[in-house]
C-alpha atoms as a PDB file:
ATOM      1  CA  UNK A   1      42.691  81.143 -43.046  1.00  0.00           C
ATOM      2  CA  UNK A   2      41.941  84.688 -41.956  1.00  0.00           C
ATOM      3  CA  UNK A   3      44.389  87.335 -42.876  1.00  0.00           C
ATOM      4  CA  UNK A   4      45.581  90.020 -40.535  1.00  0.00           C
ATOM      5  CA  UNK A   5      43.484  92.580 -42.346  1.00  0.00           C
ATOM      6  CA  UNK A   6      40.310  90.523 -41.929  1.00  0.00           C
ATOM      7  CA  UNK A   7      41.124  90.018 -38.249  1.00  0.00           C
ATOM      8  CA  UNK A   8      41.546  93.768 -37.792  1.00  0.00           C
ATOM      9  CA  UNK A   9      38.274  94.574 -39.561  1.00  0.00           C
ATOM     10  CA  UNK A  10      36.440  92.128 -37.334  1.00  0.00           C
ATOM     11  CA  UNK A  11      37.815  93.789 -34.238  1.00  0.00           C
ATOM     12  CA  UNK A  12      37.031  97.337 -35.456  1.00  0.00           C
ATOM     13  CA  UNK A  13      33.475  96.624 -36.803  1.00  0.00           C
ATOM     14  CA  UNK A  14      31.130  95.869 -33.951  1.00  0.00           C
ATOM     15  CA  UNK A  15      28.624  93.087 -34.529  1.00  0.00           C
ATOM     16  CA  UNK A  16      25.138  94.253 -33.549  1.00  0.00           C
ATOM     17  CA  UNK A  17      23.287  92.332 -30.938  1.00  0.00           C
ATOM     18  CA  UNK A  18      20.148  90.364 -31.967  1.00  0.00           C
ATOM     19  CA  UNK A  19      17.842  92.712 -29.992  1.00  0.00           C
ATOM     20  CA  UNK A  20      19.397  95.693 -31.714  1.00  0.00           C
ATOM     21  CA  UNK A  21      18.658  94.123 -35.102  1.00  0.00           C
ATOM     22  CA  UNK A  22      15.015  93.514 -34.136  1.00  0.00           C
ATOM     23  CA  UNK A  23      14.619  97.105 -32.952  1.00  0.00           C
ATOM     24  CA  UNK A  24      16.164  98.398 -36.166  1.00  0.00           C
ATOM     25  CA  UNK A  25      13.729  96.276 -38.199  1.00  0.00           C
ATOM     26  CA  UNK A  26      10.793  97.589 -36.184  1.00  0.00           C
ATOM     27  CA  UNK A  27      12.034 101.157 -36.554  1.00  0.00           C
ATOM     28  CA  UNK A  28      12.240 100.737 -40.340  1.00  0.00           C
ATOM     29  CA  UNK A  29       8.693  99.320 -40.368  1.00  0.00           C
ATOM     30  CA  UNK A  30       7.420 102.230 -38.276  1.00  0.00           C
ATOM     31  CA  UNK A  31       9.214 104.716 -40.533  1.00  0.00           C
ATOM     32  CA  UNK A  32       7.711 102.998 -43.575  1.00  0.00           C
ATOM     33  CA  UNK A  33       4.205 103.231 -42.106  1.00  0.00           C
ATOM     34  CA  UNK A  34       4.784 106.837 -41.173  1.00  0.00           C
ATOM     35  CA  UNK A  35       5.932 107.639 -44.717  1.00  0.00           C
ATOM     36  CA  UNK A  36       2.862 105.855 -46.089  1.00  0.00           C
ATOM     37  CA  UNK A  37       0.593 107.854 -43.776  1.00  0.00           C
ATOM     38  CA  UNK A  38       2.224 111.125 -44.833  1.00  0.00           C
ATOM     39  CA  UNK A  39       1.915 110.220 -48.533  1.00  0.00           C
ATOM     40  CA  UNK A  40      -1.750 109.241 -48.078  1.00  0.00           C
ATOM     41  CA  UNK A  41      -2.478 112.497 -46.257  1.00  0.00           C
ATOM     42  CA  UNK A  42      -0.815 114.530 -48.993  1.00  0.00           C
ATOM     43  CA  UNK A  43      -2.792 112.684 -51.689  1.00  0.00           C
ATOM     44  CA  UNK A  44      -6.041 113.259 -49.786  1.00  0.00           C
ATOM     45  CA  UNK A  45      -5.253 116.945 -49.337  1.00  0.00           C
ATOM     46  CA  UNK A  46      -4.554 117.271 -53.075  1.00  0.00           C
ATOM     47  CA  UNK A  47      -7.806 115.465 -53.882  1.00  0.00           C
ATOM     48  CA  UNK A  48      -9.864 117.645 -51.525  1.00  0.00           C
ATOM     49  CA  UNK A  49      -8.289 120.936 -52.554  1.00  0.00           C
ATOM     50  CA  UNK A  50      -7.811 120.428 -56.306  1.00  0.00           C
ATOM     51  CA  UNK A  51      -9.603 117.441 -57.807  1.00  0.00           C
ATOM     52  CA  UNK A  52     -12.864 117.452 -55.847  1.00  0.00           C
ATOM     53  CA  UNK A  53     -13.723 121.116 -56.588  1.00  0.00           C
ATOM     54  CA  UNK A  54     -12.963 120.524 -60.258  1.00  0.00           C
ATOM     55  CA  UNK A  55     -15.236 117.452 -60.305  1.00  0.00           C
ATOM     56  CA  UNK A  56     -18.015 119.415 -58.618  1.00  0.00           C
ATOM     57  CA  UNK A  57     -17.662 122.190 -61.181  1.00  0.00           C
ATOM     58  CA  UNK A  58     -17.812 119.668 -64.029  1.00  0.00           C
ATOM     59  CA  UNK A  59     -20.895 118.035 -62.493  1.00  0.00           C
ATOM     60  CA  UNK A  60     -22.616 121.422 -62.213  1.00  0.00           C
ATOM     61  CA  UNK A  61     -21.790 122.203 -65.837  1.00  0.00           C
ATOM     62  CA  UNK A  62     -23.059 118.784 -66.978  1.00  0.00           C
ATOM     63  CA  UNK A  63     -26.277 119.190 -64.976  1.00  0.00           C
ATOM     64  CA  UNK A  64     -26.854 122.662 -66.419  1.00  0.00           C
ATOM     65  CA  UNK A  65     -26.179 121.451 -69.973  1.00  0.00           C
ATOM     66  CA  UNK A  66     -28.617 118.588 -69.459  1.00  0.00           C
ATOM     67  CA  UNK A  67     -31.247 120.979 -68.145  1.00  0.00           C
ATOM     68  CA  UNK A  68     -30.767 123.333 -71.114  1.00  0.00           C
ATOM     69  CA  UNK A  69     -30.911 120.425 -73.546  1.00  0.00           C
ATOM     70  CA  UNK A  70     -34.159 119.152 -71.991  1.00  0.00           C
ATOM     71  CA  UNK A  71     -35.693 122.622 -72.129  1.00  0.00           C
ATOM     72  CA  UNK A  72     -34.703 123.064 -75.764  1.00  0.00           C
ATOM     73  CA  UNK A  73     -35.902 119.581 -76.731  1.00  0.00           C
ATOM     74  CA  UNK A  74     -39.276 120.077 -75.036  1.00  0.00           C
ATOM     75  CA  UNK A  75     -39.860 123.197 -77.147  1.00  0.00           C
ATOM     76  CA  UNK A  76     -39.265 121.377 -80.439  1.00  0.00           C
ATOM     77  CA  UNK A  77     -40.420 117.870 -79.573  1.00  0.00           C
ATOM     78  CA  UNK A  78     -43.642 116.915 -81.267  1.00  0.00           C
ATOM     79  CA  UNK A  79     -46.515 114.950 -79.800  1.00  0.00           C
ATOM     80  CA  UNK A  80     -45.918 111.469 -78.402  1.00  0.00           C
ATOM     81  CA  UNK A  81     -48.003 108.351 -78.982  1.00  0.00           C
ATOM     82  CA  UNK A  82     -50.655 107.994 -76.290  1.00  0.00           C
ATOM     83  CA  UNK A  83     -50.848 111.735 -75.634  1.00  0.00           C
ATOM     84  CA  UNK A  84     -53.652 114.126 -76.432  1.00  0.00           C
ATOM     85  CA  UNK A  85     -53.079 116.360 -79.448  1.00  0.00           C
ATOM     86  CA  UNK A  86     -54.859 119.194 -81.191  1.00  0.00           C
ATOM     87  CA  UNK A  87     -55.537 118.874 -84.914  1.00  0.00           C
ATOM     88  CA  UNK A  88     -54.250 121.986 -86.636  1.00  0.00           C
ATOM     89  CA  UNK A  89     -55.058 122.759 -90.260  1.00  0.00           C
ATOM     90  CA  UNK A  90     -53.303 126.102 -90.138  1.00  0.00           C
ATOM     91  CA  UNK A  91     -55.440 128.738 -91.865  1.00  0.00           C
ATOM     92  CA  UNK A  92     -58.050 126.181 -93.034  1.00  0.00           C
ATOM     93  CA  UNK A  93     -61.319 125.645 -91.152  1.00  0.00           C
ATOM     94  CA  UNK A  94     -61.175 121.864 -91.202  1.00  0.00           C
ATOM     95  CA  UNK A  95     -58.817 118.907 -91.136  1.00  0.00           C
ATOM     96  CA  UNK A  96     -59.273 115.956 -93.496  1.00  0.00           C
ATOM     97  CA  UNK A  97     -58.634 112.441 -92.161  1.00  0.00           C
ATOM     98  CA  UNK A  98     -58.339 109.262 -94.174  1.00  0.00           C
ATOM     99  CA  UNK A  99     -59.752 106.082 -92.640  1.00  0.00           C
ATOM    100  CA  UNK A 100     -56.544 104.299 -93.629  1.00  0.00           C
ATOM    101  CA  UNK A 101     -53.105 105.648 -94.366  1.00  0.00           C
ATOM    102  CA  UNK A 102     -53.670 104.753 -98.016  1.00  0.00           C
ATOM    103  CA  UNK A 103     -56.920 106.751 -98.000  1.00  0.00           C
ATOM    104  CA  UNK A 104     -55.040 109.743 -96.622  1.00  0.00           C
ATOM    105  CA  UNK A 105     -52.556 109.435 -99.522  1.00  0.00           C
ATOM    106  CA  UNK A 106     -55.486 109.506-101.962  1.00  0.00           C
ATOM    107  CA  UNK A 107     -56.910 112.572-100.193  1.00  0.00           C
ATOM    108  CA  UNK A 108     -53.606 114.385-100.657  1.00  0.00           C
ATOM    109  CA  UNK A 109     -53.491 113.419-104.351  1.00  0.00           C
ATOM    110  CA  UNK A 110     -57.046 114.671-104.883  1.00  0.00           C
ATOM    111  CA  UNK A 111     -56.387 117.854-102.908  1.00  0.00           C
ATOM    112  CA  UNK A 112     -53.187 118.670-104.802  1.00  0.00           C
ATOM    113  CA  UNK A 113     -54.894 117.851-108.117  1.00  0.00           C
ATOM    114  CA  UNK A 114     -57.893 119.977-107.059  1.00  0.00           C
ATOM    115  CA  UNK A 115     -60.183 116.995-107.727  1.00  0.00           C
ATOM    116  CA  UNK A 116     -63.220 117.972-105.635  1.00  0.00           C
ATOM    117  CA  UNK A 117     -65.287 115.122-107.138  1.00  0.00           C
ATOM    118  CA  UNK A 118     -62.809 112.543-105.795  1.00  0.00           C
ATOM    119  CA  UNK A 119     -62.914 114.167-102.349  1.00  0.00           C
ATOM    120  CA  UNK A 120     -66.769 114.101-102.357  1.00  0.00           C
ATOM    121  CA  UNK A 121     -66.785 110.428-103.426  1.00  0.00           C
ATOM    122  CA  UNK A 122     -64.342 109.519-100.644  1.00  0.00           C
ATOM    123  CA  UNK A 123     -66.422 111.421 -98.099  1.00  0.00           C
ATOM    124  CA  UNK A 124     -69.710 109.820 -99.219  1.00  0.00           C
ATOM    125  CA  UNK A 125     -68.134 106.341 -99.097  1.00  0.00           C
ATOM    126  CA  UNK A 126     -66.868 107.028 -95.574  1.00  0.00           C
ATOM    127  CA  UNK A 127     -63.160 106.973 -96.540  1.00  0.00           C
ATOM    128  CA  UNK A 128     -62.690 110.662 -95.611  1.00  0.00           C
ATOM    129  CA  UNK A 129     -63.707 112.414 -92.399  1.00  0.00           C
ATOM    130  CA  UNK A 130     -63.676 116.166 -91.986  1.00  0.00           C
ATOM    131  CA  UNK A 131     -63.260 117.619 -88.497  1.00  0.00           C
ATOM    132  CA  UNK A 132     -63.011 121.196 -87.270  1.00  0.00           C
ATOM    133  CA  UNK A 133     -59.655 122.872 -86.890  1.00  0.00           C
ATOM    134  CA  UNK A 134     -58.636 122.658 -83.205  1.00  0.00           C
ATOM    135  CA  UNK A 135     -60.356 119.297 -82.566  1.00  0.00           C
ATOM    136  CA  UNK A 136     -58.813 117.301 -79.727  1.00  0.00           C
ATOM    137  CA  UNK A 137     -57.609 113.799 -80.505  1.00  0.00           C
ATOM    138  CA  UNK A 138     -55.518 110.976 -79.089  1.00  0.00           C
ATOM    139  CA  UNK A 139     -52.307 110.157 -80.986  1.00  0.00           C
ATOM    140  CA  UNK A 140     -52.433 106.397 -81.565  1.00  0.00           C
ATOM    141  CA  UNK A 141     -49.640 105.662 -84.043  1.00  0.00           C
ATOM    142  CA  UNK A 142     -47.114 107.319 -86.314  1.00  0.00           C
ATOM    143  CA  UNK A 143     -45.350 106.346 -89.492  1.00  0.00           C
ATOM    144  CA  UNK A 144     -42.913 108.291 -91.585  1.00  0.00           C
ATOM    145  CA  UNK A 145     -44.714 111.624 -91.889  1.00  0.00           C
ATOM    146  CA  UNK A 146     -48.226 110.442 -90.943  1.00  0.00           C
ATOM    147  CA  UNK A 147     -50.158 109.973 -87.720  1.00  0.00           C
ATOM    148  CA  UNK A 148     -53.182 107.934 -86.715  1.00  0.00           C
ATOM    149  CA  UNK A 149     -55.495 109.735 -84.301  1.00  0.00           C
ATOM    150  CA  UNK A 150     -58.733 108.994 -82.452  1.00  0.00           C
ATOM    151  CA  UNK A 151     -61.101 111.957 -82.253  1.00  0.00           C
ATOM    152  CA  UNK A 152     -61.936 112.967 -78.673  1.00  0.00           C
ATOM    153  CA  UNK A 153     -64.083 116.080 -79.196  1.00  0.00           C
ATOM    154  CA  UNK A 154     -66.261 117.769 -81.770  1.00  0.00           C
ATOM    155  CA  UNK A 155     -68.910 116.232 -84.047  1.00  0.00           C
ATOM    156  CA  UNK A 156     -67.227 112.849 -84.570  1.00  0.00           C
ATOM    157  CA  UNK A 157     -65.820 111.590 -81.246  1.00  0.00           C
ATOM    158  CA  UNK A 158     -64.564 108.015 -81.271  1.00  0.00           C
ATOM    159  CA  UNK A 159     -63.703 107.936 -84.968  1.00  0.00           C
ATOM    160  CA  UNK A 160     -60.103 107.402 -85.979  1.00  0.00           C
ATOM    161  CA  UNK A 161     -58.168 108.397 -89.052  1.00  0.00           C
ATOM    162  CA  UNK A 162     -54.838 109.242 -90.609  1.00  0.00           C
ATOM    163  CA  UNK A 163     -53.378 112.651 -91.391  1.00  0.00           C
ATOM    164  CA  UNK A 164     -50.011 114.349 -91.748  1.00  0.00           C
ATOM    165  CA  UNK A 165     -48.031 114.433 -88.488  1.00  0.00           C
ATOM    166  CA  UNK A 166     -47.521 118.141 -89.230  1.00  0.00           C
ATOM    167  CA  UNK A 167     -51.257 118.613 -88.646  1.00  0.00           C
ATOM    168  CA  UNK A 168     -50.905 117.614 -84.977  1.00  0.00           C
ATOM    169  CA  UNK A 169     -49.549 119.667 -82.121  1.00  0.00           C
ATOM    170  CA  UNK A 170     -49.352 119.472 -78.351  1.00  0.00           C
ATOM    171  CA  UNK A 171     -52.347 121.106 -76.618  1.00  0.00           C
END
């Protein structure tokens, strides 16, 4: 049973009409969308004014670093397989090539041991080829410290042999 107080509250508090409730719901939805639009605009403005310029600056720095790294690497990078190289004996007049990698190892042993007879025997048996310093060749293969080349110019074009990778350079 309703008390007098409850009866009084009912009379004082107006009950909204159904249309009024619908309008209030629509107004809240519109206000919510408006708030979302404002928040999105603010986020976009922050992105455009702060984040995007910073990203562009970072991209420029990364591109420049990459360019510098490529330039530096190209200066120190040695010859690549399949590319033309120049055989370089330094101050010597000729470069010695072994027919096999093992032959080249024997050439080095004989050279270090100053065994000219061994070098002559290897040359007469065809296990050692001498070519002029500056001869052009094609780099065919590399192993740890050694390179296989095919002679392109000079007195022995078409022949291949092994030598130290340090004896090759880019043309």
